[in-house]
Protein backbone atom coordinates (compact mmCIF):
# COMPACT_ATOMS: atom_id res chain seq x y z
CA UNK A 1 0.00 0.00 0.00
CA UNK A 2 3.04 2.31 -0.09
CA UNK A 3 3.03 3.02 3.65
CA UNK A 4 6.05 2.42 5.90
CA UNK A 5 5.78 2.75 9.66
CA UNK A 6 9.08 3.73 11.27
CA UNK A 7 9.57 2.36 14.77
CA UNK A 8 12.38 3.09 17.23
CA UNK A 9 13.36 0.98 20.24
CA UNK A 10 15.43 2.24 23.14
CA UNK A 11 17.14 0.08 25.73
CA UNK A 12 18.59 3.13 27.49
CA UNK A 13 17.82 3.67 31.14
CA UNK A 14 17.07 7.37 30.63
CA UNK A 15 15.07 9.20 27.96
CA UNK A 16 16.99 10.83 25.13
CA UNK A 17 16.40 12.64 21.89
CA UNK A 18 17.51 11.59 18.46
CA UNK A 19 16.94 12.08 14.79
CA UNK A 20 15.37 9.69 12.30
CA UNK A 21 16.68 10.25 8.79
CA UNK A 22 15.39 8.53 5.68
CA UNK A 23 16.22 8.44 1.99
CA UNK A 24 14.25 6.86 -0.82
CA UNK A 25 16.61 5.99 -3.66
CA UNK A 26 16.22 4.24 -6.95
CA UNK A 27 18.50 1.37 -7.89
CA UNK A 28 20.61 3.75 -10.01
CA UNK A 29 21.54 5.65 -6.85
CA UNK A 30 19.40 8.77 -7.32
CA UNK A 31 17.61 10.17 -4.27
CA UNK A 32 13.88 10.36 -4.99
CA UNK A 33 12.76 11.74 -1.61
CA UNK A 34 14.21 12.21 1.87
CA UNK A 35 13.29 13.46 5.29
CA UNK A 36 14.37 14.03 8.88
CA UNK A 37 12.39 13.91 12.10
CA UNK A 38 13.44 14.81 15.61
CA UNK A 39 12.27 12.15 18.07
CA UNK A 40 12.05 11.88 21.83
CA UNK A 41 12.93 8.38 22.97
CA UNK A 42 11.50 7.32 26.32
CA UNK A 43 13.64 4.89 28.33
CA UNK A 44 13.18 1.16 27.63
CA UNK A 45 10.40 1.49 25.10
CA UNK A 46 9.58 0.89 21.48
CA UNK A 47 7.27 3.18 19.57
CA UNK A 48 6.19 4.28 16.12
CA UNK A 49 7.74 7.65 15.41
CA UNK A 50 6.71 8.28 11.82
CA UNK A 51 4.58 6.95 8.98
CA UNK A 52 5.92 7.47 5.48
CA UNK A 53 3.48 7.54 2.58
CA UNK A 54 5.37 6.58 -0.54
CA UNK A 55 2.62 5.34 -2.88
CA UNK A 56 3.20 8.13 -5.44
CA UNK A 57 6.87 7.14 -5.75
CA UNK A 58 6.07 3.45 -6.03
CA UNK A 59 3.55 4.20 -8.76
CA UNK A 60 6.05 6.38 -10.63
CA UNK A 61 9.13 4.15 -10.32
CA UNK A 62 7.84 0.66 -9.50
CA UNK A 63 8.62 -1.45 -6.42
CA UNK A 64 11.58 -3.21 -8.07
CA UNK A 65 13.46 0.06 -8.47
CA UNK A 66 13.15 1.64 -5.01
CA UNK A 67 14.90 1.19 -1.68
CA UNK A 68 14.11 3.07 1.54
CA UNK A 69 17.12 3.69 3.81
CA UNK A 70 16.58 4.49 7.49
CA UNK A 71 18.98 5.82 10.10
CA UNK A 72 18.73 6.79 13.77
CA UNK A 73 21.27 9.20 15.23
CA UNK A 74 21.62 9.98 18.93
CA UNK A 75 24.11 12.50 20.25
CA UNK A 76 25.30 13.06 16.68
CA UNK A 77 26.31 9.40 16.22
CA UNK A 78 24.70 6.84 13.95
CA UNK A 79 23.14 4.30 16.30
CA UNK A 80 21.01 2.22 13.99
CA UNK A 81 20.47 1.71 10.27
CA UNK A 82 17.95 -0.30 8.32
CA UNK A 83 16.36 -0.46 4.91
CA UNK A 84 13.03 -1.42 3.38
CA UNK A 85 12.58 -3.21 0.08
CA UNK A 86 9.30 -3.03 -1.81
CA UNK A 87 10.02 -6.19 -3.79
CA UNK A 88 11.85 -9.41 -3.00
CA UNK A 89 15.63 -9.07 -3.31
CA UNK A 90 15.70 -11.42 -6.30
CA UNK A 91 13.30 -9.09 -8.14
CA UNK A 92 15.24 -5.86 -7.54
CA UNK A 93 16.64 -4.19 -10.61
CA UNK A 94 20.08 -3.72 -9.05
CA UNK A 95 22.92 -2.33 -11.10
CA UNK A 96 26.63 -2.89 -10.46
CA UNK A 97 27.19 -0.71 -7.36
CA UNK A 98 30.64 0.70 -8.26
CA UNK A 99 32.09 0.21 -4.79
CA UNK A 100 35.26 2.09 -3.95
CA UNK A 101 37.49 0.97 -1.11
CA UNK A 102 40.10 2.76 0.95
CA UNK A 103 42.49 0.70 3.06
CA UNK A 104 44.30 1.99 6.14
CA UNK A 105 46.74 -0.19 8.06
CA UNK A 106 46.07 0.04 11.80
CA UNK A 107 48.70 -2.45 12.97
CA UNK A 108 50.75 -5.39 11.67
CA UNK A 109 47.62 -7.58 11.45
CA UNK A 110 44.82 -4.98 11.46
CA UNK A 111 43.28 -2.85 8.73
CA UNK A 112 40.33 -0.52 8.22
CA UNK A 113 38.46 -0.86 4.94
CA UNK A 114 36.25 2.12 4.10
CA UNK A 115 33.59 1.24 1.52
CA UNK A 116 31.50 3.67 -0.53
CA UNK A 117 29.14 2.87 -3.40
CA UNK A 118 27.80 5.02 -6.21
CA UNK A 119 24.65 2.88 -6.37
CA UNK A 120 22.82 0.80 -3.75
CA UNK A 121 24.90 -2.19 -2.69
CA UNK A 122 23.15 -4.90 -0.69
CA UNK A 123 24.81 -7.66 1.33
CA UNK A 124 28.33 -6.34 0.74
CA UNK A 125 31.09 -8.49 2.15
CA UNK A 126 34.87 -8.45 2.14
CA UNK A 127 37.37 -11.26 2.33
CA UNK A 128 41.13 -11.58 2.09
CA UNK A 129 41.44 -14.82 0.17
CA UNK A 130 43.12 -17.66 2.01
CA UNK A 131 43.98 -15.48 5.02
CA UNK A 132 41.90 -16.18 8.12
CA UNK A 133 40.43 -12.93 9.37
CA UNK A 134 37.89 -11.49 11.80
CA UNK A 135 35.67 -8.61 10.73
CA UNK A 136 33.93 -6.04 12.93
CA UNK A 137 31.02 -6.06 10.53
CA UNK A 138 30.57 -7.99 7.33
CA UNK A 139 27.50 -8.22 5.10
CA UNK A 140 26.63 -4.54 5.20
CA UNK A 141 24.34 -2.48 2.99
CA UNK A 142 25.71 0.65 1.33
CA UNK A 143 23.45 3.58 0.62
CA UNK A 144 24.80 5.59 -2.34
CA UNK A 145 27.43 8.04 -1.13
CA UNK A 146 27.55 6.65 2.41
CA UNK A 147 30.83 5.30 3.81
CA UNK A 148 30.90 2.19 5.99
CA UNK A 149 34.09 1.16 7.81
CA UNK A 150 34.97 -2.46 8.43
CA UNK A 151 37.91 -3.38 10.64
CA UNK A 152 39.76 -6.53 9.65
CA UNK A 153 42.10 -8.45 11.93
CA UNK A 154 44.17 -11.05 10.05
CA UNK A 155 45.69 -14.19 11.59
CA UNK A 156 49.15 -13.13 10.41
CA UNK A 157 51.08 -9.99 9.64
CA UNK A 158 50.61 -8.42 6.21
CA UNK A 159 51.89 -5.28 4.62
CA UNK A 160 49.27 -2.86 3.40
CA UNK A 161 50.17 -3.79 -0.18
CA UNK A 162 49.75 -7.53 0.52
CA UNK A 163 46.39 -6.86 2.15
CA UNK A 164 45.22 -4.72 -0.80
CA UNK A 165 46.20 -7.45 -3.27
CA UNK A 166 44.20 -10.09 -1.39
CA UNK A 167 41.18 -7.92 -0.53
CA UNK A 168 37.99 -8.70 -2.41
CA UNK A 169 34.78 -6.71 -2.06
CA UNK A 170 31.53 -8.21 -3.34
CA UNK A 171 27.81 -7.63 -3.10
CA UNK A 172 24.53 -9.32 -3.97
CA UNK A 173 25.01 -8.32 -7.62
CA UNK A 174 28.19 -10.46 -7.76
CA UNK A 175 26.17 -13.59 -6.96
CA UNK A 176 24.28 -13.51 -10.24
CA UNK A 177 26.28 -11.34 -12.69
C-alpha atoms as a PDB file:
ATOM      1  CA  UNK A   1       0.000   0.000   0.000  1.00  0.00           C
ATOM      2  CA  UNK A   2       3.037   2.311  -0.088  1.00  0.00           C
ATOM      3  CA  UNK A   3       3.031   3.019   3.652  1.00  0.00           C
ATOM      4  CA  UNK A   4       6.052   2.422   5.897  1.00  0.00           C
ATOM      5  CA  UNK A   5       5.781   2.753   9.664  1.00  0.00           C
ATOM      6  CA  UNK A   6       9.084   3.728  11.274  1.00  0.00           C
ATOM      7  CA  UNK A   7       9.575   2.359  14.774  1.00  0.00           C
ATOM      8  CA  UNK A   8      12.379   3.090  17.230  1.00  0.00           C
ATOM      9  CA  UNK A   9      13.356   0.983  20.239  1.00  0.00           C
ATOM     10  CA  UNK A  10      15.431   2.237  23.138  1.00  0.00           C
ATOM     11  CA  UNK A  11      17.137   0.075  25.733  1.00  0.00           C
ATOM     12  CA  UNK A  12      18.588   3.127  27.490  1.00  0.00           C
ATOM     13  CA  UNK A  13      17.816   3.670  31.137  1.00  0.00           C
ATOM     14  CA  UNK A  14      17.073   7.371  30.628  1.00  0.00           C
ATOM     15  CA  UNK A  15      15.074   9.202  27.956  1.00  0.00           C
ATOM     16  CA  UNK A  16      16.992  10.833  25.129  1.00  0.00           C
ATOM     17  CA  UNK A  17      16.398  12.642  21.886  1.00  0.00           C
ATOM     18  CA  UNK A  18      17.507  11.590  18.457  1.00  0.00           C
ATOM     19  CA  UNK A  19      16.944  12.077  14.791  1.00  0.00           C
ATOM     20  CA  UNK A  20      15.369   9.694  12.303  1.00  0.00           C
ATOM     21  CA  UNK A  21      16.682  10.248   8.786  1.00  0.00           C
ATOM     22  CA  UNK A  22      15.394   8.534   5.677  1.00  0.00           C
ATOM     23  CA  UNK A  23      16.221   8.444   1.989  1.00  0.00           C
ATOM     24  CA  UNK A  24      14.254   6.865  -0.817  1.00  0.00           C
ATOM     25  CA  UNK A  25      16.614   5.992  -3.661  1.00  0.00           C
ATOM     26  CA  UNK A  26      16.222   4.244  -6.948  1.00  0.00           C
ATOM     27  CA  UNK A  27      18.503   1.373  -7.887  1.00  0.00           C
ATOM     28  CA  UNK A  28      20.606   3.746 -10.014  1.00  0.00           C
ATOM     29  CA  UNK A  29      21.535   5.645  -6.847  1.00  0.00           C
ATOM     30  CA  UNK A  30      19.398   8.765  -7.315  1.00  0.00           C
ATOM     31  CA  UNK A  31      17.610  10.169  -4.270  1.00  0.00           C
ATOM     32  CA  UNK A  32      13.883  10.357  -4.992  1.00  0.00           C
ATOM     33  CA  UNK A  33      12.761  11.738  -1.614  1.00  0.00           C
ATOM     34  CA  UNK A  34      14.207  12.211   1.872  1.00  0.00           C
ATOM     35  CA  UNK A  35      13.293  13.456   5.290  1.00  0.00           C
ATOM     36  CA  UNK A  36      14.365  14.031   8.878  1.00  0.00           C
ATOM     37  CA  UNK A  37      12.389  13.907  12.098  1.00  0.00           C
ATOM     38  CA  UNK A  38      13.445  14.813  15.613  1.00  0.00           C
ATOM     39  CA  UNK A  39      12.265  12.152  18.066  1.00  0.00           C
ATOM     40  CA  UNK A  40      12.051  11.882  21.825  1.00  0.00           C
ATOM     41  CA  UNK A  41      12.926   8.383  22.966  1.00  0.00           C
ATOM     42  CA  UNK A  42      11.505   7.320  26.323  1.00  0.00           C
ATOM     43  CA  UNK A  43      13.640   4.891  28.334  1.00  0.00           C
ATOM     44  CA  UNK A  44      13.184   1.160  27.631  1.00  0.00           C
ATOM     45  CA  UNK A  45      10.395   1.491  25.099  1.00  0.00           C
ATOM     46  CA  UNK A  46       9.584   0.889  21.480  1.00  0.00           C
ATOM     47  CA  UNK A  47       7.269   3.177  19.574  1.00  0.00           C
ATOM     48  CA  UNK A  48       6.193   4.275  16.121  1.00  0.00           C
ATOM     49  CA  UNK A  49       7.741   7.652  15.410  1.00  0.00           C
ATOM     50  CA  UNK A  50       6.712   8.282  11.821  1.00  0.00           C
ATOM     51  CA  UNK A  51       4.578   6.945   8.983  1.00  0.00           C
ATOM     52  CA  UNK A  52       5.920   7.473   5.477  1.00  0.00           C
ATOM     53  CA  UNK A  53       3.478   7.541   2.583  1.00  0.00           C
ATOM     54  CA  UNK A  54       5.371   6.579  -0.538  1.00  0.00           C
ATOM     55  CA  UNK A  55       2.622   5.344  -2.884  1.00  0.00           C
ATOM     56  CA  UNK A  56       3.197   8.126  -5.436  1.00  0.00           C
ATOM     57  CA  UNK A  57       6.874   7.144  -5.750  1.00  0.00           C
ATOM     58  CA  UNK A  58       6.069   3.450  -6.034  1.00  0.00           C
ATOM     59  CA  UNK A  59       3.549   4.202  -8.761  1.00  0.00           C
ATOM     60  CA  UNK A  60       6.053   6.384 -10.632  1.00  0.00           C
ATOM     61  CA  UNK A  61       9.134   4.146 -10.322  1.00  0.00           C
ATOM     62  CA  UNK A  62       7.843   0.663  -9.495  1.00  0.00           C
ATOM     63  CA  UNK A  63       8.623  -1.454  -6.416  1.00  0.00           C
ATOM     64  CA  UNK A  64      11.580  -3.210  -8.069  1.00  0.00           C
ATOM     65  CA  UNK A  65      13.456   0.061  -8.468  1.00  0.00           C
ATOM     66  CA  UNK A  66      13.154   1.644  -5.013  1.00  0.00           C
ATOM     67  CA  UNK A  67      14.902   1.190  -1.676  1.00  0.00           C
ATOM     68  CA  UNK A  68      14.109   3.068   1.538  1.00  0.00           C
ATOM     69  CA  UNK A  69      17.119   3.690   3.807  1.00  0.00           C
ATOM     70  CA  UNK A  70      16.575   4.494   7.488  1.00  0.00           C
ATOM     71  CA  UNK A  71      18.976   5.819  10.101  1.00  0.00           C
ATOM     72  CA  UNK A  72      18.734   6.795  13.770  1.00  0.00           C
ATOM     73  CA  UNK A  73      21.270   9.196  15.231  1.00  0.00           C
ATOM     74  CA  UNK A  74      21.615   9.980  18.933  1.00  0.00           C
ATOM     75  CA  UNK A  75      24.111  12.503  20.252  1.00  0.00           C
ATOM     76  CA  UNK A  76      25.301  13.061  16.681  1.00  0.00           C
ATOM     77  CA  UNK A  77      26.306   9.402  16.222  1.00  0.00           C
ATOM     78  CA  UNK A  78      24.700   6.843  13.950  1.00  0.00           C
ATOM     79  CA  UNK A  79      23.143   4.296  16.303  1.00  0.00           C
ATOM     80  CA  UNK A  80      21.007   2.223  13.985  1.00  0.00           C
ATOM     81  CA  UNK A  81      20.472   1.707  10.270  1.00  0.00           C
ATOM     82  CA  UNK A  82      17.954  -0.303   8.320  1.00  0.00           C
ATOM     83  CA  UNK A  83      16.363  -0.462   4.910  1.00  0.00           C
ATOM     84  CA  UNK A  84      13.030  -1.417   3.381  1.00  0.00           C
ATOM     85  CA  UNK A  85      12.576  -3.211   0.082  1.00  0.00           C
ATOM     86  CA  UNK A  86       9.298  -3.033  -1.808  1.00  0.00           C
ATOM     87  CA  UNK A  87      10.019  -6.193  -3.789  1.00  0.00           C
ATOM     88  CA  UNK A  88      11.851  -9.413  -2.999  1.00  0.00           C
ATOM     89  CA  UNK A  89      15.632  -9.072  -3.312  1.00  0.00           C
ATOM     90  CA  UNK A  90      15.699 -11.419  -6.305  1.00  0.00           C
ATOM     91  CA  UNK A  91      13.303  -9.092  -8.140  1.00  0.00           C
ATOM     92  CA  UNK A  92      15.236  -5.863  -7.539  1.00  0.00           C
ATOM     93  CA  UNK A  93      16.642  -4.185 -10.612  1.00  0.00           C
ATOM     94  CA  UNK A  94      20.082  -3.718  -9.045  1.00  0.00           C
ATOM     95  CA  UNK A  95      22.924  -2.332 -11.101  1.00  0.00           C
ATOM     96  CA  UNK A  96      26.631  -2.885 -10.460  1.00  0.00           C
ATOM     97  CA  UNK A  97      27.186  -0.706  -7.362  1.00  0.00           C
ATOM     98  CA  UNK A  98      30.638   0.696  -8.264  1.00  0.00           C
ATOM     99  CA  UNK A  99      32.089   0.213  -4.790  1.00  0.00           C
ATOM    100  CA  UNK A 100      35.262   2.088  -3.945  1.00  0.00           C
ATOM    101  CA  UNK A 101      37.486   0.972  -1.108  1.00  0.00           C
ATOM    102  CA  UNK A 102      40.100   2.757   0.945  1.00  0.00           C
ATOM    103  CA  UNK A 103      42.488   0.698   3.062  1.00  0.00           C
ATOM    104  CA  UNK A 104      44.300   1.989   6.140  1.00  0.00           C
ATOM    105  CA  UNK A 105      46.738  -0.187   8.063  1.00  0.00           C
ATOM    106  CA  UNK A 106      46.068   0.045  11.800  1.00  0.00           C
ATOM    107  CA  UNK A 107      48.695  -2.452  12.970  1.00  0.00           C
ATOM    108  CA  UNK A 108      50.753  -5.386  11.669  1.00  0.00           C
ATOM    109  CA  UNK A 109      47.624  -7.577  11.454  1.00  0.00           C
ATOM    110  CA  UNK A 110      44.823  -4.981  11.459  1.00  0.00           C
ATOM    111  CA  UNK A 111      43.279  -2.854   8.731  1.00  0.00           C
ATOM    112  CA  UNK A 112      40.333  -0.520   8.218  1.00  0.00           C
ATOM    113  CA  UNK A 113      38.461  -0.863   4.941  1.00  0.00           C
ATOM    114  CA  UNK A 114      36.245   2.125   4.096  1.00  0.00           C
ATOM    115  CA  UNK A 115      33.589   1.236   1.515  1.00  0.00           C
ATOM    116  CA  UNK A 116      31.502   3.668  -0.531  1.00  0.00           C
ATOM    117  CA  UNK A 117      29.137   2.865  -3.398  1.00  0.00           C
ATOM    118  CA  UNK A 118      27.803   5.025  -6.213  1.00  0.00           C
ATOM    119  CA  UNK A 119      24.647   2.875  -6.371  1.00  0.00           C
ATOM    120  CA  UNK A 120      22.818   0.798  -3.752  1.00  0.00           C
ATOM    121  CA  UNK A 121      24.900  -2.191  -2.693  1.00  0.00           C
ATOM    122  CA  UNK A 122      23.151  -4.898  -0.694  1.00  0.00           C
ATOM    123  CA  UNK A 123      24.815  -7.656   1.331  1.00  0.00           C
ATOM    124  CA  UNK A 124      28.325  -6.336   0.742  1.00  0.00           C
ATOM    125  CA  UNK A 125      31.090  -8.488   2.150  1.00  0.00           C
ATOM    126  CA  UNK A 126      34.868  -8.449   2.142  1.00  0.00           C
ATOM    127  CA  UNK A 127      37.370 -11.258   2.328  1.00  0.00           C
ATOM    128  CA  UNK A 128      41.131 -11.583   2.091  1.00  0.00           C
ATOM    129  CA  UNK A 129      41.439 -14.820   0.173  1.00  0.00           C
ATOM    130  CA  UNK A 130      43.119 -17.662   2.013  1.00  0.00           C
ATOM    131  CA  UNK A 131      43.978 -15.479   5.016  1.00  0.00           C
ATOM    132  CA  UNK A 132      41.899 -16.184   8.121  1.00  0.00           C
ATOM    133  CA  UNK A 133      40.432 -12.933   9.375  1.00  0.00           C
ATOM    134  CA  UNK A 134      37.887 -11.488  11.799  1.00  0.00           C
ATOM    135  CA  UNK A 135      35.673  -8.612  10.733  1.00  0.00           C
ATOM    136  CA  UNK A 136      33.931  -6.044  12.930  1.00  0.00           C
ATOM    137  CA  UNK A 137      31.022  -6.059  10.526  1.00  0.00           C
ATOM    138  CA  UNK A 138      30.573  -7.990   7.330  1.00  0.00           C
ATOM    139  CA  UNK A 139      27.504  -8.216   5.101  1.00  0.00           C
ATOM    140  CA  UNK A 140      26.629  -4.541   5.202  1.00  0.00           C
ATOM    141  CA  UNK A 141      24.338  -2.478   2.990  1.00  0.00           C
ATOM    142  CA  UNK A 142      25.706   0.653   1.334  1.00  0.00           C
ATOM    143  CA  UNK A 143      23.447   3.581   0.617  1.00  0.00           C
ATOM    144  CA  UNK A 144      24.798   5.585  -2.337  1.00  0.00           C
ATOM    145  CA  UNK A 145      27.434   8.037  -1.134  1.00  0.00           C
ATOM    146  CA  UNK A 146      27.554   6.650   2.414  1.00  0.00           C
ATOM    147  CA  UNK A 147      30.834   5.298   3.807  1.00  0.00           C
ATOM    148  CA  UNK A 148      30.902   2.187   5.986  1.00  0.00           C
ATOM    149  CA  UNK A 149      34.086   1.164   7.805  1.00  0.00           C
ATOM    150  CA  UNK A 150      34.974  -2.463   8.428  1.00  0.00           C
ATOM    151  CA  UNK A 151      37.914  -3.384  10.640  1.00  0.00           C
ATOM    152  CA  UNK A 152      39.756  -6.527   9.653  1.00  0.00           C
ATOM    153  CA  UNK A 153      42.101  -8.452  11.928  1.00  0.00           C
ATOM    154  CA  UNK A 154      44.174 -11.054  10.053  1.00  0.00           C
ATOM    155  CA  UNK A 155      45.691 -14.187  11.587  1.00  0.00           C
ATOM    156  CA  UNK A 156      49.147 -13.131  10.408  1.00  0.00           C
ATOM    157  CA  UNK A 157      51.081  -9.992   9.636  1.00  0.00           C
ATOM    158  CA  UNK A 158      50.611  -8.423   6.213  1.00  0.00           C
ATOM    159  CA  UNK A 159      51.895  -5.276   4.620  1.00  0.00           C
ATOM    160  CA  UNK A 160      49.265  -2.859   3.397  1.00  0.00           C
ATOM    161  CA  UNK A 161      50.171  -3.790  -0.176  1.00  0.00           C
ATOM    162  CA  UNK A 162      49.747  -7.534   0.522  1.00  0.00           C
ATOM    163  CA  UNK A 163      46.394  -6.860   2.150  1.00  0.00           C
ATOM    164  CA  UNK A 164      45.217  -4.724  -0.799  1.00  0.00           C
ATOM    165  CA  UNK A 165      46.202  -7.450  -3.271  1.00  0.00           C
ATOM    166  CA  UNK A 166      44.196 -10.088  -1.395  1.00  0.00           C
ATOM    167  CA  UNK A 167      41.185  -7.917  -0.526  1.00  0.00           C
ATOM    168  CA  UNK A 168      37.991  -8.703  -2.409  1.00  0.00           C
ATOM    169  CA  UNK A 169      34.781  -6.709  -2.061  1.00  0.00           C
ATOM    170  CA  UNK A 170      31.533  -8.208  -3.340  1.00  0.00           C
ATOM    171  CA  UNK A 171      27.806  -7.629  -3.098  1.00  0.00           C
ATOM    172  CA  UNK A 172      24.534  -9.322  -3.969  1.00  0.00           C
ATOM    173  CA  UNK A 173      25.011  -8.324  -7.620  1.00  0.00           C
ATOM    174  CA  UNK A 174      28.193 -10.460  -7.764  1.00  0.00           C
ATOM    175  CA  UNK A 175      26.171 -13.589  -6.959  1.00  0.00           C
ATOM    176  CA  UNK A 176      24.284 -13.507 -10.245  1.00  0.00           C
ATOM    177  CA  UNK A 177      26.277 -11.336 -12.695  1.00  0.00           C
END
